């Protein structure tokens, strides 16, 4: 298996991606193609005393870099020689099995859609991160790729999220729910009411296991396995969860350092505290798969360090082995409304 890595995207590029790529080749037994400014990459290796590349690692030159200020809609046209675009072209041409990048989210979404292409019949690709909850993980789809959605989009998100949960989390009948401001079927705006009906019909046909509307707090308590949302609501939900986790972590640290008694308790609970907080560590997750694209594309966290890069590669390997893209392609006809299939 060959994994293509954008070595120039993210806050800690290229150092973290060199180290993460090397570890992936050594620990996971995969081939790795690191794409970036080769002269710069070789200079870093030379400073570290590395004269030859590890087995299974190769470098590909790309002089340009897609940064956060680039217009996502024009990245493919204006940054043809960038590490992101060249990596996606290599993936599209069969030069690798999956692509990992921590670069611009909008740029990656746009470039992957234009270069690698969506699965035929899928209206929009969507990000589906696994978010830790009380009973395990919930797949949130979409977490920000599509701010404006139609009911058809949400139907397809539910189906893609269901396949993803089945194949990567081992759930036989993942519970799919629609993020809404109440559990009643009459709740929400026209988008959510119509989406509810489409998901319900799909469930009655056995396409997925729809359990109805759900509020954010119930989702975090284990009320579903796949949480369907438009990108606007989904991103707010995701950022709210992240902020709450950061707040609770800071409050716990403050509490455990308040007095001599709490400091003693903190020292005794240090390992348990670290294990609990590790569940929320993005470095362990690695990133999120862009569901709906014809080949595996993984968006790593913008602040990805060596550990996070390795985790993102693990996620890419899992996506390839599970056949996520193939499963979506084989079942896409179930996700298209009758009037659209004509």
C-alpha atoms as a PDB file:
ATOM      1  CA  UNK A   1       0.000   0.000   0.000  1.00  0.00           C
ATOM      2  CA  UNK A   2       1.274   3.470  -0.874  1.00  0.00           C
ATOM      3  CA  UNK A   3       0.222   6.597   1.038  1.00  0.00           C
ATOM      4  CA  UNK A   4       0.823  10.060  -0.452  1.00  0.00           C
ATOM      5  CA  UNK A   5       1.558  12.810   2.084  1.00  0.00           C
ATOM      6  CA  UNK A   6       1.446  16.561   1.549  1.00  0.00           C
ATOM      7  CA  UNK A   7       4.669  17.485   3.358  1.00  0.00           C
ATOM      8  CA  UNK A   8       4.108  21.255   3.164  1.00  0.00           C
ATOM      9  CA  UNK A   9       0.608  21.708   4.626  1.00  0.00           C
ATOM     10  CA  UNK A  10      -0.087  22.549   8.262  1.00  0.00           C
ATOM     11  CA  UNK A  11       1.520  24.553  11.045  1.00  0.00           C
ATOM     12  CA  UNK A  12       4.349  22.089  11.687  1.00  0.00           C
ATOM     13  CA  UNK A  13       5.324  21.360   8.098  1.00  0.00           C
ATOM     14  CA  UNK A  14       7.567  19.998   6.836  1.00  0.00           C
ATOM     15  CA  UNK A  15       9.332  18.646   9.949  1.00  0.00           C
ATOM     16  CA  UNK A  16       6.325  16.790  11.392  1.00  0.00           C
ATOM     17  CA  UNK A  17       5.503  15.219   8.036  1.00  0.00           C
ATOM     18  CA  UNK A  18       9.023  13.971   7.432  1.00  0.00           C
ATOM     19  CA  UNK A  19       9.110  12.362  10.864  1.00  0.00           C
ATOM     20  CA  UNK A  20       5.535  11.102  10.638  1.00  0.00           C
ATOM     21  CA  UNK A  21       6.101   9.697   7.165  1.00  0.00           C
ATOM     22  CA  UNK A  22       9.278   7.924   8.231  1.00  0.00           C
ATOM     23  CA  UNK A  23       7.502   6.405  11.242  1.00  0.00           C
ATOM     24  CA  UNK A  24       4.589   5.294   9.063  1.00  0.00           C
ATOM     25  CA  UNK A  25       6.918   3.438   6.712  1.00  0.00           C
ATOM     26  CA  UNK A  26       8.778   1.796   9.585  1.00  0.00           C
ATOM     27  CA  UNK A  27       5.874   1.010  11.933  1.00  0.00           C
ATOM     28  CA  UNK A  28       3.006   0.378   9.507  1.00  0.00           C
ATOM     29  CA  UNK A  29       4.952  -1.243   6.692  1.00  0.00           C
ATOM     30  CA  UNK A  30       3.477   1.038   4.015  1.00  0.00           C
ATOM     31  CA  UNK A  31       5.198   2.897   1.213  1.00  0.00           C
ATOM     32  CA  UNK A  32       5.172   6.662   1.630  1.00  0.00           C
ATOM     33  CA  UNK A  33       5.511   9.441  -0.937  1.00  0.00           C
ATOM     34  CA  UNK A  34       6.323  12.792   0.659  1.00  0.00           C
ATOM     35  CA  UNK A  35       5.515  15.673  -1.685  1.00  0.00           C
ATOM     36  CA  UNK A  36       7.073  19.092  -1.152  1.00  0.00           C
ATOM     37  CA  UNK A  37      10.098  21.260  -1.765  1.00  0.00           C
ATOM     38  CA  UNK A  38      12.695  18.506  -2.062  1.00  0.00           C
ATOM     39  CA  UNK A  39      15.671  20.801  -1.543  1.00  0.00           C
ATOM     40  CA  UNK A  40      14.173  21.999   1.743  1.00  0.00           C
ATOM     41  CA  UNK A  41      13.264  18.463   2.820  1.00  0.00           C
ATOM     42  CA  UNK A  42      16.763  17.155   2.074  1.00  0.00           C
ATOM     43  CA  UNK A  43      18.272  20.110   3.949  1.00  0.00           C
ATOM     44  CA  UNK A  44      16.300  19.197   7.079  1.00  0.00           C
ATOM     45  CA  UNK A  45      17.378  15.577   6.810  1.00  0.00           C
ATOM     46  CA  UNK A  46      20.995  16.612   6.373  1.00  0.00           C
ATOM     47  CA  UNK A  47      20.829  18.749   9.526  1.00  0.00           C
ATOM     48  CA  UNK A  48      19.581  15.665  11.383  1.00  0.00           C
ATOM     49  CA  UNK A  49      22.405  13.536  10.007  1.00  0.00           C
ATOM     50  CA  UNK A  50      20.148  11.469   7.731  1.00  0.00           C
ATOM     51  CA  UNK A  51      22.060  10.657   4.532  1.00  0.00           C
ATOM     52  CA  UNK A  52      19.695   8.149   2.922  1.00  0.00           C
ATOM     53  CA  UNK A  53      15.925   7.796   2.898  1.00  0.00           C
ATOM     54  CA  UNK A  54      14.443   4.914   4.904  1.00  0.00           C
ATOM     55  CA  UNK A  55      13.144   1.921   2.991  1.00  0.00           C
ATOM     56  CA  UNK A  56       9.698   2.583   1.547  1.00  0.00           C
ATOM     57  CA  UNK A  57      10.024   6.379   1.545  1.00  0.00           C
ATOM     58  CA  UNK A  58      10.391   8.549  -1.552  1.00  0.00           C
ATOM     59  CA  UNK A  59      10.292  12.269  -2.181  1.00  0.00           C
ATOM     60  CA  UNK A  60       8.496  14.137  -4.979  1.00  0.00           C
ATOM     61  CA  UNK A  61       9.239  17.759  -5.763  1.00  0.00           C
ATOM     62  CA  UNK A  62       6.551  20.452  -5.581  1.00  0.00           C
ATOM     63  CA  UNK A  63       7.653  24.070  -5.504  1.00  0.00           C
ATOM     64  CA  UNK A  64       4.352  25.707  -4.551  1.00  0.00           C
ATOM     65  CA  UNK A  65       2.401  25.554  -1.296  1.00  0.00           C
ATOM     66  CA  UNK A  66      -1.347  26.054  -0.778  1.00  0.00           C
ATOM     67  CA  UNK A  67      -1.798  28.335   2.221  1.00  0.00           C
ATOM     68  CA  UNK A  68      -4.805  29.538   4.183  1.00  0.00           C
ATOM     69  CA  UNK A  69      -5.020  32.782   2.196  1.00  0.00           C
ATOM     70  CA  UNK A  70      -5.459  31.081  -1.185  1.00  0.00           C
ATOM     71  CA  UNK A  71      -8.917  31.112  -2.742  1.00  0.00           C
ATOM     72  CA  UNK A  72     -10.131  27.473  -2.517  1.00  0.00           C
ATOM     73  CA  UNK A  73     -12.048  27.817  -5.785  1.00  0.00           C
ATOM     74  CA  UNK A  74      -8.911  28.646  -7.771  1.00  0.00           C
ATOM     75  CA  UNK A  75      -6.306  26.443  -6.067  1.00  0.00           C
ATOM     76  CA  UNK A  76      -6.201  23.852  -8.853  1.00  0.00           C
ATOM     77  CA  UNK A  77      -5.716  26.532 -11.491  1.00  0.00           C
ATOM     78  CA  UNK A  78      -3.321  28.856  -9.662  1.00  0.00           C
ATOM     79  CA  UNK A  79      -1.311  26.328  -7.642  1.00  0.00           C
ATOM     80  CA  UNK A  80      -0.801  23.492 -10.130  1.00  0.00           C
ATOM     81  CA  UNK A  81       2.720  22.871  -8.821  1.00  0.00           C
ATOM     82  CA  UNK A  82       1.692  22.792  -5.167  1.00  0.00           C
ATOM     83  CA  UNK A  83       2.254  19.781  -2.918  1.00  0.00           C
ATOM     84  CA  UNK A  84      -1.511  19.471  -2.399  1.00  0.00           C
ATOM     85  CA  UNK A  85      -2.552  19.534  -6.052  1.00  0.00           C
ATOM     86  CA  UNK A  86       0.355  17.361  -7.247  1.00  0.00           C
ATOM     87  CA  UNK A  87      -0.413  14.840  -4.505  1.00  0.00           C
ATOM     88  CA  UNK A  88      -4.076  14.637  -5.474  1.00  0.00           C
ATOM     89  CA  UNK A  89      -3.156  14.236  -9.145  1.00  0.00           C
ATOM     90  CA  UNK A  90      -0.826  11.401  -8.223  1.00  0.00           C
ATOM     91  CA  UNK A  91      -3.677   9.755  -6.313  1.00  0.00           C
ATOM     92  CA  UNK A  92      -6.100  10.236  -9.218  1.00  0.00           C
ATOM     93  CA  UNK A  93      -3.577   8.731 -11.644  1.00  0.00           C
ATOM     94  CA  UNK A  94      -3.138   5.607  -9.530  1.00  0.00           C
ATOM     95  CA  UNK A  95       0.229   6.555  -8.056  1.00  0.00           C
ATOM     96  CA  UNK A  96      -0.958   5.846  -4.529  1.00  0.00           C
ATOM     97  CA  UNK A  97      -3.846   4.421  -2.517  1.00  0.00           C
ATOM     98  CA  UNK A  98      -4.694   7.420  -0.292  1.00  0.00           C
ATOM     99  CA  UNK A  99      -3.716  11.039   0.292  1.00  0.00           C
ATOM    100  CA  UNK A 100      -3.071  12.863   3.579  1.00  0.00           C
ATOM    101  CA  UNK A 101      -2.864  16.643   4.000  1.00  0.00           C
ATOM    102  CA  UNK A 102      -3.030  19.126   6.868  1.00  0.00           C
ATOM    103  CA  UNK A 103      -3.308  22.059   4.477  1.00  0.00           C
ATOM    104  CA  UNK A 104      -6.200  24.448   3.818  1.00  0.00           C
ATOM    105  CA  UNK A 105      -9.512  22.693   4.430  1.00  0.00           C
ATOM    106  CA  UNK A 106     -11.313  24.633   1.705  1.00  0.00           C
ATOM    107  CA  UNK A 107      -8.453  24.137  -0.718  1.00  0.00           C
ATOM    108  CA  UNK A 108      -8.365  20.395  -0.072  1.00  0.00           C
ATOM    109  CA  UNK A 109     -12.122  20.046  -0.520  1.00  0.00           C
ATOM    110  CA  UNK A 110     -12.087  21.998  -3.780  1.00  0.00           C
ATOM    111  CA  UNK A 111      -8.983  20.316  -5.203  1.00  0.00           C
ATOM    112  CA  UNK A 112     -10.103  16.803  -4.248  1.00  0.00           C
ATOM    113  CA  UNK A 113     -13.477  17.403  -5.889  1.00  0.00           C
ATOM    114  CA  UNK A 114     -11.949  18.729  -9.107  1.00  0.00           C
ATOM    115  CA  UNK A 115      -8.935  16.411  -9.373  1.00  0.00           C
ATOM    116  CA  UNK A 116      -9.868  13.087  -7.760  1.00  0.00           C
ATOM    117  CA  UNK A 117     -13.628  13.622  -8.363  1.00  0.00           C
ATOM    118  CA  UNK A 118     -16.656  12.631  -6.327  1.00  0.00           C
ATOM    119  CA  UNK A 119     -18.188   9.179  -6.533  1.00  0.00           C
ATOM    120  CA  UNK A 120     -20.604   9.333  -9.452  1.00  0.00           C
ATOM    121  CA  UNK A 121     -24.043  10.215  -8.080  1.00  0.00           C
ATOM    122  CA  UNK A 122     -22.807  11.822  -4.848  1.00  0.00           C
ATOM    123  CA  UNK A 123     -23.922  15.462  -4.793  1.00  0.00           C
ATOM    124  CA  UNK A 124     -21.412  16.793  -2.270  1.00  0.00           C
ATOM    125  CA  UNK A 125     -18.413  15.368  -0.437  1.00  0.00           C
ATOM    126  CA  UNK A 126     -18.514  15.804   3.339  1.00  0.00           C
ATOM    127  CA  UNK A 127     -16.189  15.617   6.306  1.00  0.00           C
ATOM    128  CA  UNK A 128     -17.057  12.857   8.775  1.00  0.00           C
ATOM    129  CA  UNK A 129     -14.864  13.054  11.888  1.00  0.00           C
ATOM    130  CA  UNK A 130     -15.283  10.566  14.726  1.00  0.00           C
ATOM    131  CA  UNK A 131     -16.054  12.516  17.907  1.00  0.00           C
ATOM    132  CA  UNK A 132     -15.621  10.849  21.318  1.00  0.00           C
ATOM    133  CA  UNK A 133     -18.837  10.516  23.299  1.00  0.00           C
ATOM    134  CA  UNK A 134     -20.022   8.719  26.423  1.00  0.00           C
ATOM    135  CA  UNK A 135     -20.305   5.265  24.827  1.00  0.00           C
ATOM    136  CA  UNK A 136     -17.570   5.431  22.177  1.00  0.00           C
ATOM    137  CA  UNK A 137     -17.580   7.604  19.075  1.00  0.00           C
ATOM    138  CA  UNK A 138     -20.126   9.347  16.891  1.00  0.00           C
ATOM    139  CA  UNK A 139     -19.513  10.097  13.203  1.00  0.00           C
ATOM    140  CA  UNK A 140     -20.453  13.734  12.578  1.00  0.00           C
ATOM    141  CA  UNK A 141     -21.314  14.347   8.925  1.00  0.00           C
ATOM    142  CA  UNK A 142     -21.038  17.069   7.719  1.00  0.00           C
ATOM    143  CA  UNK A 143     -18.659  18.960  10.018  1.00  0.00           C
ATOM    144  CA  UNK A 144     -18.141  21.999   7.807  1.00  0.00           C
ATOM    145  CA  UNK A 145     -17.645  21.266   4.120  1.00  0.00           C
ATOM    146  CA  UNK A 146     -21.150  22.300   3.022  1.00  0.00           C
ATOM    147  CA  UNK A 147     -22.670  25.334   4.697  1.00  0.00           C
ATOM    148  CA  UNK A 148     -25.757  25.350   2.467  1.00  0.00           C
ATOM    149  CA  UNK A 149     -27.449  21.983   1.981  1.00  0.00           C
ATOM    150  CA  UNK A 150     -30.518  20.383   0.439  1.00  0.00           C
ATOM    151  CA  UNK A 151     -32.471  17.459   1.919  1.00  0.00           C
ATOM    152  CA  UNK A 152     -30.870  15.220  -0.718  1.00  0.00           C
ATOM    153  CA  UNK A 153     -27.427  16.141   0.585  1.00  0.00           C
ATOM    154  CA  UNK A 154     -28.395  15.209   4.140  1.00  0.00           C
ATOM    155  CA  UNK A 155     -29.845  11.903   2.958  1.00  0.00           C
ATOM    156  CA  UNK A 156     -26.551  11.060   1.286  1.00  0.00           C
ATOM    157  CA  UNK A 157     -24.576  12.188   4.332  1.00  0.00           C
ATOM    158  CA  UNK A 158     -26.587   9.763   6.448  1.00  0.00           C
ATOM    159  CA  UNK A 159     -25.932   6.894   4.062  1.00  0.00           C
ATOM    160  CA  UNK A 160     -22.219   7.610   3.708  1.00  0.00           C
ATOM    161  CA  UNK A 161     -21.843   8.017   7.455  1.00  0.00           C
ATOM    162  CA  UNK A 162     -23.619   4.713   7.994  1.00  0.00           C
ATOM    163  CA  UNK A 163     -21.258   2.867   5.641  1.00  0.00           C
ATOM    164  CA  UNK A 164     -18.283   4.510   7.301  1.00  0.00           C
ATOM    165  CA  UNK A 165     -19.434   3.485  10.787  1.00  0.00           C
ATOM    166  CA  UNK A 166     -20.097  -0.084   9.652  1.00  0.00           C
ATOM    167  CA  UNK A 167     -16.741  -0.545   7.958  1.00  0.00           C
ATOM    168  CA  UNK A 168     -14.418   1.335  10.317  1.00  0.00           C
ATOM    169  CA  UNK A 169     -16.134   1.076  13.717  1.00  0.00           C
ATOM    170  CA  UNK A 170     -17.528  -2.411  13.210  1.00  0.00           C
ATOM    171  CA  UNK A 171     -21.161  -1.458  13.855  1.00  0.00           C
ATOM    172  CA  UNK A 172     -23.675  -3.809  12.258  1.00  0.00           C
ATOM    173  CA  UNK A 173     -26.607  -1.386  12.371  1.00  0.00           C
ATOM    174  CA  UNK A 174     -25.282   2.079  13.240  1.00  0.00           C
ATOM    175  CA  UNK A 175     -27.951   4.413  14.579  1.00  0.00           C
ATOM    176  CA  UNK A 176     -28.328   7.450  12.331  1.00  0.00           C
ATOM    177  CA  UNK A 177     -29.849  10.622  13.767  1.00  0.00           C
ATOM    178  CA  UNK A 178     -30.508  14.123  12.445  1.00  0.00           C
ATOM    179  CA  UNK A 179     -29.098  17.008  14.485  1.00  0.00           C
ATOM    180  CA  UNK A 180     -32.041  19.269  15.337  1.00  0.00           C
ATOM    181  CA  UNK A 181     -33.414  21.565  18.038  1.00  0.00           C
ATOM    182  CA  UNK A 182     -35.765  18.905  19.355  1.00  0.00           C
ATOM    183  CA  UNK A 183     -36.606  15.222  19.013  1.00  0.00           C
ATOM    184  CA  UNK A 184     -40.132  15.670  17.572  1.00  0.00           C
ATOM    185  CA  UNK A 185     -40.512  15.012  13.836  1.00  0.00           C
ATOM    186  CA  UNK A 186     -42.100  18.456  13.395  1.00  0.00           C
ATOM    187  CA  UNK A 187     -39.052  20.294  14.733  1.00  0.00           C
ATOM    188  CA  UNK A 188     -36.725  22.448  12.684  1.00  0.00           C
ATOM    189  CA  UNK A 189     -36.875  24.500   9.507  1.00  0.00           C
ATOM    190  CA  UNK A 190     -38.086  23.165   6.120  1.00  0.00           C
ATOM    191  CA  UNK A 191     -34.627  21.687   5.388  1.00  0.00           C
ATOM    192  CA  UNK A 192     -34.664  19.569   8.530  1.00  0.00           C
ATOM    193  CA  UNK A 193     -38.312  18.560   8.296  1.00  0.00           C
ATOM    194  CA  UNK A 194     -37.911  17.333   4.716  1.00  0.00           C
ATOM    195  CA  UNK A 195     -34.590  15.677   5.499  1.00  0.00           C
ATOM    196  CA  UNK A 196     -36.287  13.854   8.367  1.00  0.00           C
ATOM    197  CA  UNK A 197     -38.833  12.372   5.966  1.00  0.00           C
ATOM    198  CA  UNK A 198     -36.169  11.274   3.460  1.00  0.00           C
ATOM    199  CA  UNK A 199     -34.069   9.609   6.152  1.00  0.00           C
ATOM    200  CA  UNK A 200     -37.173   7.929   7.570  1.00  0.00           C
ATOM    201  CA  UNK A 201     -38.103   6.552   4.133  1.00  0.00           C
ATOM    202  CA  UNK A 202     -34.547   5.289   3.630  1.00  0.00           C
ATOM    203  CA  UNK A 203     -34.744   3.557   6.995  1.00  0.00           C
ATOM    204  CA  UNK A 204     -38.047   1.889   6.084  1.00  0.00           C
ATOM    205  CA  UNK A 205     -36.365   0.535   2.953  1.00  0.00           C
ATOM    206  CA  UNK A 206     -33.537  -0.911   5.030  1.00  0.00           C
ATOM    207  CA  UNK A 207     -30.888   1.408   3.597  1.00  0.00           C
ATOM    208  CA  UNK A 208     -29.916   2.742   7.020  1.00  0.00           C
ATOM    209  CA  UNK A 209     -31.092   2.676  10.633  1.00  0.00           C
ATOM    210  CA  UNK A 210     -32.645   6.105  11.249  1.00  0.00           C
ATOM    211  CA  UNK A 211     -33.606   6.799  14.871  1.00  0.00           C
ATOM    212  CA  UNK A 212     -35.023  10.293  14.348  1.00  0.00           C
ATOM    213  CA  UNK A 213     -34.077  13.810  15.408  1.00  0.00           C
ATOM    214  CA  UNK A 214     -31.613  14.337  18.215  1.00  0.00           C
ATOM    215  CA  UNK A 215     -30.364  17.275  20.245  1.00  0.00           C
ATOM    216  CA  UNK A 216     -26.662  17.916  20.633  1.00  0.00           C
ATOM    217  CA  UNK A 217     -26.508  16.928  24.293  1.00  0.00           C
ATOM    218  CA  UNK A 218     -28.192  13.577  23.639  1.00  0.00           C
ATOM    219  CA  UNK A 219     -25.765  12.859  20.817  1.00  0.00           C
ATOM    220  CA  UNK A 220     -22.829  13.342  23.200  1.00  0.00           C
ATOM    221  CA  UNK A 221     -24.457  10.985  25.697  1.00  0.00           C
ATOM    222  CA  UNK A 222     -24.505   8.150  23.157  1.00  0.00           C
ATOM    223  CA  UNK A 223     -27.899   8.638  21.522  1.00  0.00           C
ATOM    224  CA  UNK A 224     -26.636   7.805  18.029  1.00  0.00           C
ATOM    225  CA  UNK A 225     -23.644   6.481  16.082  1.00  0.00           C
ATOM    226  CA  UNK A 226     -23.938   8.764  13.046  1.00  0.00           C
ATOM    227  CA  UNK A 227     -24.959  12.389  13.495  1.00  0.00           C
ATOM    228  CA  UNK A 228     -26.247  14.002  10.275  1.00  0.00           C
ATOM    229  CA  UNK A 229     -25.973  17.775   9.982  1.00  0.00           C
ATOM    230  CA  UNK A 230     -25.632  20.529   7.432  1.00  0.00           C
ATOM    231  CA  UNK A 231     -22.088  21.875   7.452  1.00  0.00           C
ATOM    232  CA  UNK A 232     -23.062  25.080   9.236  1.00  0.00           C
ATOM    233  CA  UNK A 233     -24.758  23.387  12.194  1.00  0.00           C
ATOM    234  CA  UNK A 234     -22.250  20.555  12.235  1.00  0.00           C
ATOM    235  CA  UNK A 235     -19.265  22.873  12.444  1.00  0.00           C
ATOM    236  CA  UNK A 236     -20.833  24.854  15.294  1.00  0.00           C
ATOM    237  CA  UNK A 237     -21.531  21.588  17.121  1.00  0.00           C
ATOM    238  CA  UNK A 238     -17.953  20.388  16.579  1.00  0.00           C
ATOM    239  CA  UNK A 239     -16.361  23.640  17.724  1.00  0.00           C
ATOM    240  CA  UNK A 240     -18.665  23.684  20.743  1.00  0.00           C
ATOM    241  CA  UNK A 241     -17.524  20.199  21.730  1.00  0.00           C
ATOM    242  CA  UNK A 242     -13.874  21.150  21.275  1.00  0.00           C
ATOM    243  CA  UNK A 243     -14.306  24.326  23.330  1.00  0.00           C
ATOM    244  CA  UNK A 244     -16.111  22.479  26.114  1.00  0.00           C
ATOM    245  CA  UNK A 245     -13.331  19.885  26.270  1.00  0.00           C
ATOM    246  CA  UNK A 246     -10.690  22.618  26.508  1.00  0.00           C
ATOM    247  CA  UNK A 247     -12.685  24.441  29.185  1.00  0.00           C
ATOM    248  CA  UNK A 248     -13.190  21.310  31.297  1.00  0.00           C
ATOM    249  CA  UNK A 249      -9.516  20.407  30.980  1.00  0.00           C
ATOM    250  CA  UNK A 250      -8.418  23.841  32.162  1.00  0.00           C
ATOM    251  CA  UNK A 251     -10.909  23.748  35.048  1.00  0.00           C
ATOM    252  CA  UNK A 252      -9.659  20.334  36.163  1.00  0.00           C
ATOM    253  CA  UNK A 253      -6.038  21.486  36.089  1.00  0.00           C
ATOM    254  CA  UNK A 254      -6.944  24.616  38.031  1.00  0.00           C
ATOM    255  CA  UNK A 255      -8.853  22.602  40.622  1.00  0.00           C
ATOM    256  CA  UNK A 256      -5.994  20.119  41.085  1.00  0.00           C
ATOM    257  CA  UNK A 257      -3.469  22.901  41.736  1.00  0.00           C
ATOM    258  CA  UNK A 258      -5.577  25.066  44.063  1.00  0.00           C
ATOM    259  CA  UNK A 259      -4.208  23.869  47.401  1.00  0.00           C
ATOM    260  CA  UNK A 260      -1.761  21.425  48.949  1.00  0.00           C
ATOM    261  CA  UNK A 261      -4.569  18.895  49.386  1.00  0.00           C
ATOM    262  CA  UNK A 262      -5.674  19.183  45.756  1.00  0.00           C
ATOM    263  CA  UNK A 263      -2.065  18.984  44.557  1.00  0.00           C
ATOM    264  CA  UNK A 264      -1.590  15.721  46.447  1.00  0.00           C
ATOM    265  CA  UNK A 265      -4.845  14.431  44.958  1.00  0.00           C
ATOM    266  CA  UNK A 266      -3.715  15.595  41.553  1.00  0.00           C
ATOM    267  CA  UNK A 267      -0.450  13.688  41.798  1.00  0.00           C
ATOM    268  CA  UNK A 268      -2.366  10.545  42.755  1.00  0.00           C
ATOM    269  CA  UNK A 269      -4.859  11.005  39.909  1.00  0.00           C
ATOM    270  CA  UNK A 270      -2.349  12.182  37.296  1.00  0.00           C
ATOM    271  CA  UNK A 271      -2.286   8.963  35.281  1.00  0.00           C
ATOM    272  CA  UNK A 272      -6.092   8.572  35.350  1.00  0.00           C
ATOM    273  CA  UNK A 273      -6.504  12.211  34.342  1.00  0.00           C
ATOM    274  CA  UNK A 274      -4.091  11.806  31.425  1.00  0.00           C
ATOM    275  CA  UNK A 275      -5.871   8.659  30.223  1.00  0.00           C
ATOM    276  CA  UNK A 276      -9.242  10.415  30.373  1.00  0.00           C
ATOM    277  CA  UNK A 277      -8.035  13.487  28.485  1.00  0.00           C
ATOM    278  CA  UNK A 278      -6.261  11.357  25.852  1.00  0.00           C
ATOM    279  CA  UNK A 279      -9.706  10.424  24.518  1.00  0.00           C
ATOM    280  CA  UNK A 280     -10.049  14.053  23.405  1.00  0.00           C
ATOM    281  CA  UNK A 281      -6.512  14.287  21.960  1.00  0.00           C
ATOM    282  CA  UNK A 282      -6.723  15.058  18.222  1.00  0.00           C
ATOM    283  CA  UNK A 283      -3.270  13.510  17.769  1.00  0.00           C
ATOM    284  CA  UNK A 284      -4.732  10.075  18.476  1.00  0.00           C
ATOM    285  CA  UNK A 285      -7.486  10.508  15.861  1.00  0.00           C
ATOM    286  CA  UNK A 286      -5.255  11.988  13.186  1.00  0.00           C
ATOM    287  CA  UNK A 287      -7.865  13.592  10.982  1.00  0.00           C
ATOM    288  CA  UNK A 288     -11.100  13.112   9.111  1.00  0.00           C
ATOM    289  CA  UNK A 289     -11.912  11.366   5.856  1.00  0.00           C
ATOM    290  CA  UNK A 290     -13.506  13.345   3.050  1.00  0.00           C
ATOM    291  CA  UNK A 291     -16.460  11.043   2.356  1.00  0.00           C
ATOM    292  CA  UNK A 292     -17.888  11.000  -1.159  1.00  0.00           C
ATOM    293  CA  UNK A 293     -14.559  11.394  -2.985  1.00  0.00           C
ATOM    294  CA  UNK A 294     -13.726   8.449  -5.248  1.00  0.00           C
ATOM    295  CA  UNK A 295     -10.453   7.655  -3.441  1.00  0.00           C
ATOM    296  CA  UNK A 296      -9.452   8.064   0.219  1.00  0.00           C
ATOM    297  CA  UNK A 297      -8.493  11.651   1.107  1.00  0.00           C
ATOM    298  CA  UNK A 298      -7.697  12.386   4.758  1.00  0.00           C
ATOM    299  CA  UNK A 299      -7.673  15.904   6.214  1.00  0.00           C
ATOM    300  CA  UNK A 300      -5.200  15.986   9.095  1.00  0.00           C
ATOM    301  CA  UNK A 301      -5.446  18.622  11.826  1.00  0.00           C
ATOM    302  CA  UNK A 302      -3.816  21.920  10.899  1.00  0.00           C
ATOM    303  CA  UNK A 303      -1.619  21.691  14.013  1.00  0.00           C
ATOM    304  CA  UNK A 304      -0.646  18.087  13.347  1.00  0.00           C
ATOM    305  CA  UNK A 305       2.628  16.994  14.936  1.00  0.00           C
ATOM    306  CA  UNK A 306       4.548  13.784  14.269  1.00  0.00           C
ATOM    307  CA  UNK A 307       2.116  11.667  16.315  1.00  0.00           C
ATOM    308  CA  UNK A 308      -0.913  13.165  14.559  1.00  0.00           C
ATOM    309  CA  UNK A 309       0.629  12.575  11.117  1.00  0.00           C
ATOM    310  CA  UNK A 310       1.205   8.929  12.004  1.00  0.00           C
ATOM    311  CA  UNK A 311      -2.408   8.660  13.206  1.00  0.00           C
ATOM    312  CA  UNK A 312      -3.662  10.231   9.982  1.00  0.00           C
ATOM    313  CA  UNK A 313      -1.715   7.685   7.937  1.00  0.00           C
ATOM    314  CA  UNK A 314      -3.200   4.904  10.084  1.00  0.00           C
ATOM    315  CA  UNK A 315      -6.639   6.300   9.284  1.00  0.00           C
ATOM    316  CA  UNK A 316      -5.801   6.343   5.577  1.00  0.00           C
ATOM    317  CA  UNK A 317      -4.648   2.722   5.733  1.00  0.00           C
ATOM    318  CA  UNK A 318      -7.852   1.726   7.542  1.00  0.00           C
ATOM    319  CA  UNK A 319      -9.987   3.498   4.923  1.00  0.00           C
ATOM    320  CA  UNK A 320      -8.221   1.668   2.093  1.00  0.00           C
ATOM    321  CA  UNK A 321      -8.469  -1.720   3.806  1.00  0.00           C
ATOM    322  CA  UNK A 322     -12.145  -1.193   4.653  1.00  0.00           C
ATOM    323  CA  UNK A 323     -13.040  -0.227   1.085  1.00  0.00           C
ATOM    324  CA  UNK A 324     -15.044   2.849   2.136  1.00  0.00           C
ATOM    325  CA  UNK A 325     -14.999   4.505  -1.293  1.00  0.00           C
ATOM    326  CA  UNK A 326     -15.939   1.269  -3.023  1.00  0.00           C
ATOM    327  CA  UNK A 327     -18.849   0.665  -0.646  1.00  0.00           C
ATOM    328  CA  UNK A 328     -20.255   4.148  -1.283  1.00  0.00           C
ATOM    329  CA  UNK A 329     -19.860   3.697  -5.044  1.00  0.00           C
ATOM    330  CA  UNK A 330     -21.550   0.293  -5.034  1.00  0.00           C
ATOM    331  CA  UNK A 331     -24.540   1.588  -3.060  1.00  0.00           C
ATOM    332  CA  UNK A 332     -24.899   5.078  -4.502  1.00  0.00           C
ATOM    333  CA  UNK A 333     -28.130   4.253  -6.354  1.00  0.00           C
ATOM    334  CA  UNK A 334     -29.869   3.881  -2.991  1.00  0.00           C
ATOM    335  CA  UNK A 335     -28.907   7.459  -2.153  1.00  0.00           C
ATOM    336  CA  UNK A 336     -30.404   9.123  -5.230  1.00  0.00           C
ATOM    337  CA  UNK A 337     -34.013  10.270  -5.176  1.00  0.00           C
ATOM    338  CA  UNK A 338     -36.249   8.593  -7.804  1.00  0.00           C
ATOM    339  CA  UNK A 339     -36.842  11.852  -9.656  1.00  0.00           C
ATOM    340  CA  UNK A 340     -33.086  12.394  -9.916  1.00  0.00           C
ATOM    341  CA  UNK A 341     -32.366   8.887 -11.130  1.00  0.00           C
ATOM    342  CA  UNK A 342     -34.495   9.306 -14.251  1.00  0.00           C
END
